[in-house]
């Protein structure tokens, strides 16, 4: 059973949902020294004191985290951080049109 469960609906194609999940976990992995591994549409992660998975479906991204004994007192803080980070990444995806270019100024020739 997980200590933290966060689920968010999305309308992204699976490759983009997968990239979003990777980015979310890579950011957290860098911060907490976690290792990651894909198994189908499930991204598993493991860090000292915590492990879990990000499960993708065509309409949902779900994060489940099991905390070790020493991290359980910080459950609310971790849950809030995961929720905020996932919401920020989903908002960025929704605001950026698929045809948008990174260039903001025209090129002079």
N, C-alpha and C. Protein backbone atom coordinates (compact mmCIF):
# COMPACT_ATOMS: atom_id res chain seq x y z
N UNK A 1 0.85 -1.18 0.00
CA UNK A 1 0.00 0.00 0.00
C UNK A 1 0.89 1.24 0.00
N UNK A 2 0.48 2.24 -0.77
CA UNK A 2 1.30 3.44 -0.86
C UNK A 2 0.92 4.42 0.24
N UNK A 3 1.93 5.20 0.63
CA UNK A 3 1.71 6.26 1.61
C UNK A 3 1.18 7.52 0.93
N UNK A 4 1.60 7.72 -0.32
CA UNK A 4 1.19 8.90 -1.09
C UNK A 4 0.66 8.41 -2.43
N UNK A 5 -0.50 8.91 -2.81
CA UNK A 5 -1.07 8.60 -4.13
C UNK A 5 -1.57 9.92 -4.72
N UNK A 6 -1.04 10.24 -5.89
CA UNK A 6 -1.44 11.45 -6.60
C UNK A 6 -1.85 11.04 -8.01
N UNK A 7 -3.01 11.41 -8.43
CA UNK A 7 -3.49 11.10 -9.78
C UNK A 7 -3.96 12.38 -10.45
N UNK A 8 -3.61 12.50 -11.72
CA UNK A 8 -4.03 13.65 -12.51
C UNK A 8 -4.49 13.16 -13.88
N UNK A 9 -5.60 13.71 -14.35
CA UNK A 9 -6.09 13.38 -15.68
C UNK A 9 -5.29 14.19 -16.70
N UNK A 10 -5.17 13.64 -17.89
CA UNK A 10 -4.48 14.36 -18.97
C UNK A 10 -5.11 13.99 -20.29
N UNK A 11 -4.80 14.77 -21.31
CA UNK A 11 -5.28 14.49 -22.67
C UNK A 11 -4.09 14.42 -23.62
N UNK A 12 -2.95 14.02 -23.10
CA UNK A 12 -1.73 13.97 -23.89
C UNK A 12 -1.62 12.64 -24.63
N UNK A 13 -0.97 12.65 -25.80
CA UNK A 13 -0.63 11.37 -26.43
C UNK A 13 0.35 10.63 -25.51
N UNK A 14 0.36 9.31 -25.58
CA UNK A 14 1.19 8.53 -24.67
C UNK A 14 2.68 8.91 -24.72
N UNK A 15 3.28 9.17 -25.89
CA UNK A 15 4.70 9.57 -25.87
C UNK A 15 4.94 10.86 -25.07
N UNK A 16 4.02 11.81 -25.17
CA UNK A 16 4.17 13.06 -24.41
C UNK A 16 3.91 12.84 -22.93
N UNK A 17 2.96 11.97 -22.59
CA UNK A 17 2.71 11.64 -21.19
C UNK A 17 3.94 10.94 -20.60
N UNK A 18 4.56 10.09 -21.39
CA UNK A 18 5.77 9.38 -20.94
C UNK A 18 6.90 10.38 -20.70
N UNK A 19 7.08 11.32 -21.61
CA UNK A 19 8.12 12.34 -21.46
C UNK A 19 7.86 13.20 -20.23
N UNK A 20 6.59 13.52 -19.98
CA UNK A 20 6.24 14.31 -18.80
C UNK A 20 6.56 13.53 -17.52
N UNK A 21 6.22 12.25 -17.50
CA UNK A 21 6.52 11.41 -16.33
C UNK A 21 8.01 11.33 -16.10
N UNK A 22 8.78 11.15 -17.17
CA UNK A 22 10.24 11.10 -17.04
C UNK A 22 10.78 12.40 -16.47
N UNK A 23 10.27 13.50 -16.98
CA UNK A 23 10.76 14.80 -16.49
C UNK A 23 10.42 14.99 -15.01
N UNK A 24 9.21 14.62 -14.63
CA UNK A 24 8.80 14.76 -13.23
C UNK A 24 9.69 13.94 -12.32
N UNK A 25 9.93 12.69 -12.68
CA UNK A 25 10.74 11.82 -11.83
C UNK A 25 12.22 12.18 -11.91
N UNK A 26 12.70 12.58 -13.10
CA UNK A 26 14.10 12.97 -13.21
C UNK A 26 14.41 14.16 -12.32
N UNK A 27 13.48 15.13 -12.26
CA UNK A 27 13.69 16.28 -11.38
C UNK A 27 13.77 15.85 -9.92
N UNK A 28 12.86 14.98 -9.51
CA UNK A 28 12.87 14.49 -8.13
C UNK A 28 14.06 13.56 -7.88
N UNK A 29 14.41 12.75 -8.89
CA UNK A 29 15.54 11.83 -8.74
C UNK A 29 16.84 12.59 -8.53
N UNK A 30 16.99 13.68 -9.27
CA UNK A 30 18.20 14.49 -9.11
C UNK A 30 18.27 15.09 -7.71
N UNK A 31 17.13 15.49 -7.20
CA UNK A 31 17.09 16.11 -5.87
C UNK A 31 17.34 15.10 -4.76
N UNK A 32 16.79 13.88 -4.91
CA UNK A 32 16.85 12.90 -3.83
C UNK A 32 17.72 11.67 -4.14
N UNK A 33 18.41 11.68 -5.26
CA UNK A 33 19.30 10.58 -5.59
C UNK A 33 18.59 9.27 -5.88
N UNK A 34 17.49 9.33 -6.59
CA UNK A 34 16.72 8.13 -6.90
C UNK A 34 17.20 7.48 -8.19
N UNK A 35 17.03 6.17 -8.28
CA UNK A 35 17.25 5.46 -9.53
C UNK A 35 15.88 5.18 -10.15
N UNK A 36 15.85 5.09 -11.48
CA UNK A 36 14.58 4.89 -12.17
C UNK A 36 14.69 3.77 -13.19
N UNK A 37 13.54 3.17 -13.53
CA UNK A 37 13.50 2.11 -14.52
C UNK A 37 12.09 2.01 -15.09
N UNK A 38 11.99 2.00 -16.42
CA UNK A 38 10.70 1.81 -17.08
C UNK A 38 10.40 0.32 -17.20
N UNK A 39 9.16 -0.05 -16.94
CA UNK A 39 8.63 -1.39 -17.19
C UNK A 39 7.28 -1.19 -17.87
N UNK A 40 7.29 -1.23 -19.19
CA UNK A 40 6.07 -0.93 -19.95
C UNK A 40 5.69 0.52 -19.75
N UNK A 41 4.47 0.76 -19.30
CA UNK A 41 4.00 2.13 -19.05
C UNK A 41 4.10 2.50 -17.58
N UNK A 42 5.01 1.85 -16.87
CA UNK A 42 5.21 2.14 -15.44
C UNK A 42 6.67 2.52 -15.24
N UNK A 43 6.87 3.69 -14.67
CA UNK A 43 8.21 4.16 -14.32
C UNK A 43 8.41 3.93 -12.83
N UNK A 44 9.29 3.01 -12.50
CA UNK A 44 9.57 2.70 -11.09
C UNK A 44 10.77 3.53 -10.63
N UNK A 45 10.73 3.95 -9.37
CA UNK A 45 11.86 4.70 -8.82
C UNK A 45 12.16 4.21 -7.41
N UNK A 46 13.41 4.38 -7.02
CA UNK A 46 13.86 3.95 -5.70
C UNK A 46 14.91 4.93 -5.20
N UNK A 47 14.73 5.41 -3.98
CA UNK A 47 15.69 6.27 -3.31
C UNK A 47 15.81 5.79 -1.87
N UNK A 48 16.82 6.26 -1.19
CA UNK A 48 16.97 5.91 0.21
C UNK A 48 15.74 6.41 0.96
N UNK A 49 15.00 5.50 1.54
CA UNK A 49 13.83 5.88 2.34
C UNK A 49 12.53 6.01 1.58
N UNK A 50 12.54 5.81 0.27
CA UNK A 50 11.30 5.93 -0.51
C UNK A 50 11.41 5.14 -1.81
N UNK A 51 10.29 4.61 -2.23
CA UNK A 51 10.22 3.95 -3.53
C UNK A 51 8.79 4.09 -4.05
N UNK A 52 8.64 3.92 -5.34
CA UNK A 52 7.31 4.05 -5.89
C UNK A 52 7.29 3.89 -7.38
N UNK A 53 6.20 4.36 -7.97
CA UNK A 53 6.03 4.23 -9.40
C UNK A 53 5.12 5.32 -9.94
N UNK A 54 5.31 5.60 -11.22
CA UNK A 54 4.43 6.48 -11.97
C UNK A 54 3.79 5.59 -13.03
N UNK A 55 2.47 5.46 -12.96
CA UNK A 55 1.73 4.60 -13.89
C UNK A 55 0.99 5.49 -14.88
N UNK A 56 1.18 5.20 -16.18
CA UNK A 56 0.55 5.98 -17.24
C UNK A 56 -0.60 5.21 -17.87
N UNK A 57 -1.66 5.93 -18.18
CA UNK A 57 -2.72 5.39 -19.02
C UNK A 57 -3.04 6.47 -20.04
N UNK A 58 -3.94 6.17 -20.93
CA UNK A 58 -4.29 7.14 -21.98
C UNK A 58 -4.92 8.40 -21.42
N UNK A 59 -5.43 8.36 -20.19
CA UNK A 59 -6.11 9.54 -19.64
C UNK A 59 -5.64 9.95 -18.25
N UNK A 60 -4.68 9.23 -17.67
CA UNK A 60 -4.29 9.52 -16.29
C UNK A 60 -2.81 9.25 -16.06
N UNK A 61 -2.24 10.07 -15.20
CA UNK A 61 -0.90 9.84 -14.66
C UNK A 61 -1.08 9.65 -13.16
N UNK A 62 -0.61 8.52 -12.63
CA UNK A 62 -0.78 8.24 -11.21
C UNK A 62 0.58 7.97 -10.58
N UNK A 63 0.86 8.66 -9.49
CA UNK A 63 2.11 8.50 -8.76
C UNK A 63 1.79 7.85 -7.42
N UNK A 64 2.47 6.75 -7.12
CA UNK A 64 2.34 6.06 -5.84
C UNK A 64 3.71 6.01 -5.19
N UNK A 65 3.78 6.42 -3.93
CA UNK A 65 5.06 6.46 -3.21
C UNK A 65 4.89 5.75 -1.87
N UNK A 66 5.83 4.89 -1.55
CA UNK A 66 5.91 4.23 -0.24
C UNK A 66 7.11 4.83 0.48
N UNK A 67 6.85 5.43 1.64
CA UNK A 67 7.91 6.07 2.42
C UNK A 67 8.43 5.13 3.49
N UNK A 68 9.73 5.22 3.72
CA UNK A 68 10.33 4.49 4.82
C UNK A 68 9.95 5.12 6.15
N UNK A 69 10.26 4.42 7.20
CA UNK A 69 9.88 4.85 8.56
C UNK A 69 10.37 6.26 8.89
N UNK A 70 11.60 6.58 8.52
CA UNK A 70 12.16 7.88 8.88
C UNK A 70 11.55 9.04 8.09
N UNK A 71 11.00 8.76 6.91
CA UNK A 71 10.42 9.83 6.09
C UNK A 71 8.92 10.01 6.30
N UNK A 72 8.27 9.08 6.95
CA UNK A 72 6.81 9.17 7.12
C UNK A 72 6.35 10.45 7.81
N UNK A 73 7.10 11.00 8.77
CA UNK A 73 6.64 12.27 9.36
C UNK A 73 6.57 13.43 8.35
N UNK A 74 7.23 13.27 7.21
CA UNK A 74 7.27 14.32 6.19
C UNK A 74 6.32 14.02 5.03
N UNK A 75 5.40 13.09 5.25
CA UNK A 75 4.47 12.65 4.20
C UNK A 75 3.73 13.82 3.57
N UNK A 76 3.16 14.70 4.35
CA UNK A 76 2.38 15.82 3.82
C UNK A 76 3.25 16.73 2.95
N UNK A 77 4.47 16.98 3.38
CA UNK A 77 5.37 17.82 2.61
C UNK A 77 5.70 17.19 1.26
N UNK A 78 6.01 15.88 1.25
CA UNK A 78 6.32 15.18 0.00
C UNK A 78 5.10 15.14 -0.92
N UNK A 79 3.93 14.86 -0.37
CA UNK A 79 2.70 14.80 -1.17
C UNK A 79 2.43 16.15 -1.82
N UNK A 80 2.57 17.22 -1.08
CA UNK A 80 2.33 18.56 -1.62
C UNK A 80 3.34 18.89 -2.71
N UNK A 81 4.58 18.51 -2.51
CA UNK A 81 5.63 18.78 -3.50
C UNK A 81 5.38 18.01 -4.80
N UNK A 82 4.97 16.75 -4.68
CA UNK A 82 4.67 15.94 -5.87
C UNK A 82 3.47 16.51 -6.61
N UNK A 83 2.42 16.85 -5.87
CA UNK A 83 1.22 17.43 -6.50
C UNK A 83 1.55 18.72 -7.24
N UNK A 84 2.28 19.60 -6.59
CA UNK A 84 2.62 20.90 -7.19
C UNK A 84 3.48 20.70 -8.44
N UNK A 85 4.48 19.83 -8.35
CA UNK A 85 5.38 19.61 -9.48
C UNK A 85 4.63 19.02 -10.67
N UNK A 86 3.79 18.02 -10.43
CA UNK A 86 3.01 17.41 -11.50
C UNK A 86 2.05 18.42 -12.12
N UNK A 87 1.38 19.22 -11.29
CA UNK A 87 0.47 20.25 -11.80
C UNK A 87 1.21 21.28 -12.65
N UNK A 88 2.41 21.67 -12.23
CA UNK A 88 3.20 22.63 -13.00
C UNK A 88 3.57 22.06 -14.36
N UNK A 89 4.02 20.80 -14.39
CA UNK A 89 4.40 20.19 -15.66
C UNK A 89 3.21 20.03 -16.59
N UNK A 90 2.07 19.62 -16.06
CA UNK A 90 0.87 19.49 -16.88
C UNK A 90 0.40 20.85 -17.40
N UNK A 91 0.50 21.88 -16.59
CA UNK A 91 0.11 23.22 -17.02
C UNK A 91 1.01 23.72 -18.14
N UNK A 92 2.30 23.45 -18.05
CA UNK A 92 3.23 23.85 -19.11
C UNK A 92 2.88 23.17 -20.41
N UNK A 93 2.55 21.89 -20.36
CA UNK A 93 2.18 21.14 -21.56
C UNK A 93 0.91 21.69 -22.18
N UNK A 94 -0.06 22.06 -21.35
CA UNK A 94 -1.34 22.53 -21.86
C UNK A 94 -1.22 23.92 -22.47
N UNK A 95 -0.33 24.76 -21.95
CA UNK A 95 -0.18 26.13 -22.46
C UNK A 95 0.61 26.18 -23.75
N UNK A 96 1.51 25.23 -23.98
CA UNK A 96 2.39 25.26 -25.14
C UNK A 96 1.70 24.58 -26.33
N UNK A 97 1.38 25.33 -27.39
CA UNK A 97 0.78 24.72 -28.57
C UNK A 97 1.77 23.75 -29.21
N UNK A 98 1.27 22.72 -29.84
CA UNK A 98 2.12 21.70 -30.45
C UNK A 98 2.99 22.29 -31.55
N UNK A 99 2.52 23.33 -32.24
CA UNK A 99 3.28 23.92 -33.34
C UNK A 99 4.19 25.07 -32.89
N UNK A 100 4.20 25.39 -31.61
CA UNK A 100 4.97 26.53 -31.12
C UNK A 100 6.46 26.29 -31.28
N UNK A 101 7.13 27.32 -31.66
CA UNK A 101 8.58 27.27 -31.80
C UNK A 101 9.22 27.89 -30.57
N UNK A 102 10.43 27.46 -30.28
CA UNK A 102 11.15 28.04 -29.15
C UNK A 102 11.67 29.43 -29.48
N UNK A 103 11.81 29.74 -30.75
CA UNK A 103 12.33 31.04 -31.16
C UNK A 103 11.26 32.09 -30.94
N UNK A 104 11.63 33.19 -30.30
CA UNK A 104 10.67 34.26 -30.03
C UNK A 104 10.94 35.50 -30.86
N UNK A 105 12.11 35.60 -31.46
CA UNK A 105 12.43 36.76 -32.28
C UNK A 105 12.70 36.28 -33.70
N UNK A 106 12.28 37.07 -34.69
CA UNK A 106 12.52 36.66 -36.08
C UNK A 106 14.02 36.70 -36.42
N UNK A 107 14.42 35.84 -37.30
CA UNK A 107 15.82 35.79 -37.75
C UNK A 107 16.02 36.83 -38.84
N UNK A 108 17.09 37.58 -38.73
CA UNK A 108 17.43 38.57 -39.76
C UNK A 108 18.37 37.94 -40.75
N UNK A 109 18.16 38.26 -42.02
CA UNK A 109 19.04 37.72 -43.05
C UNK A 109 19.81 38.78 -43.74
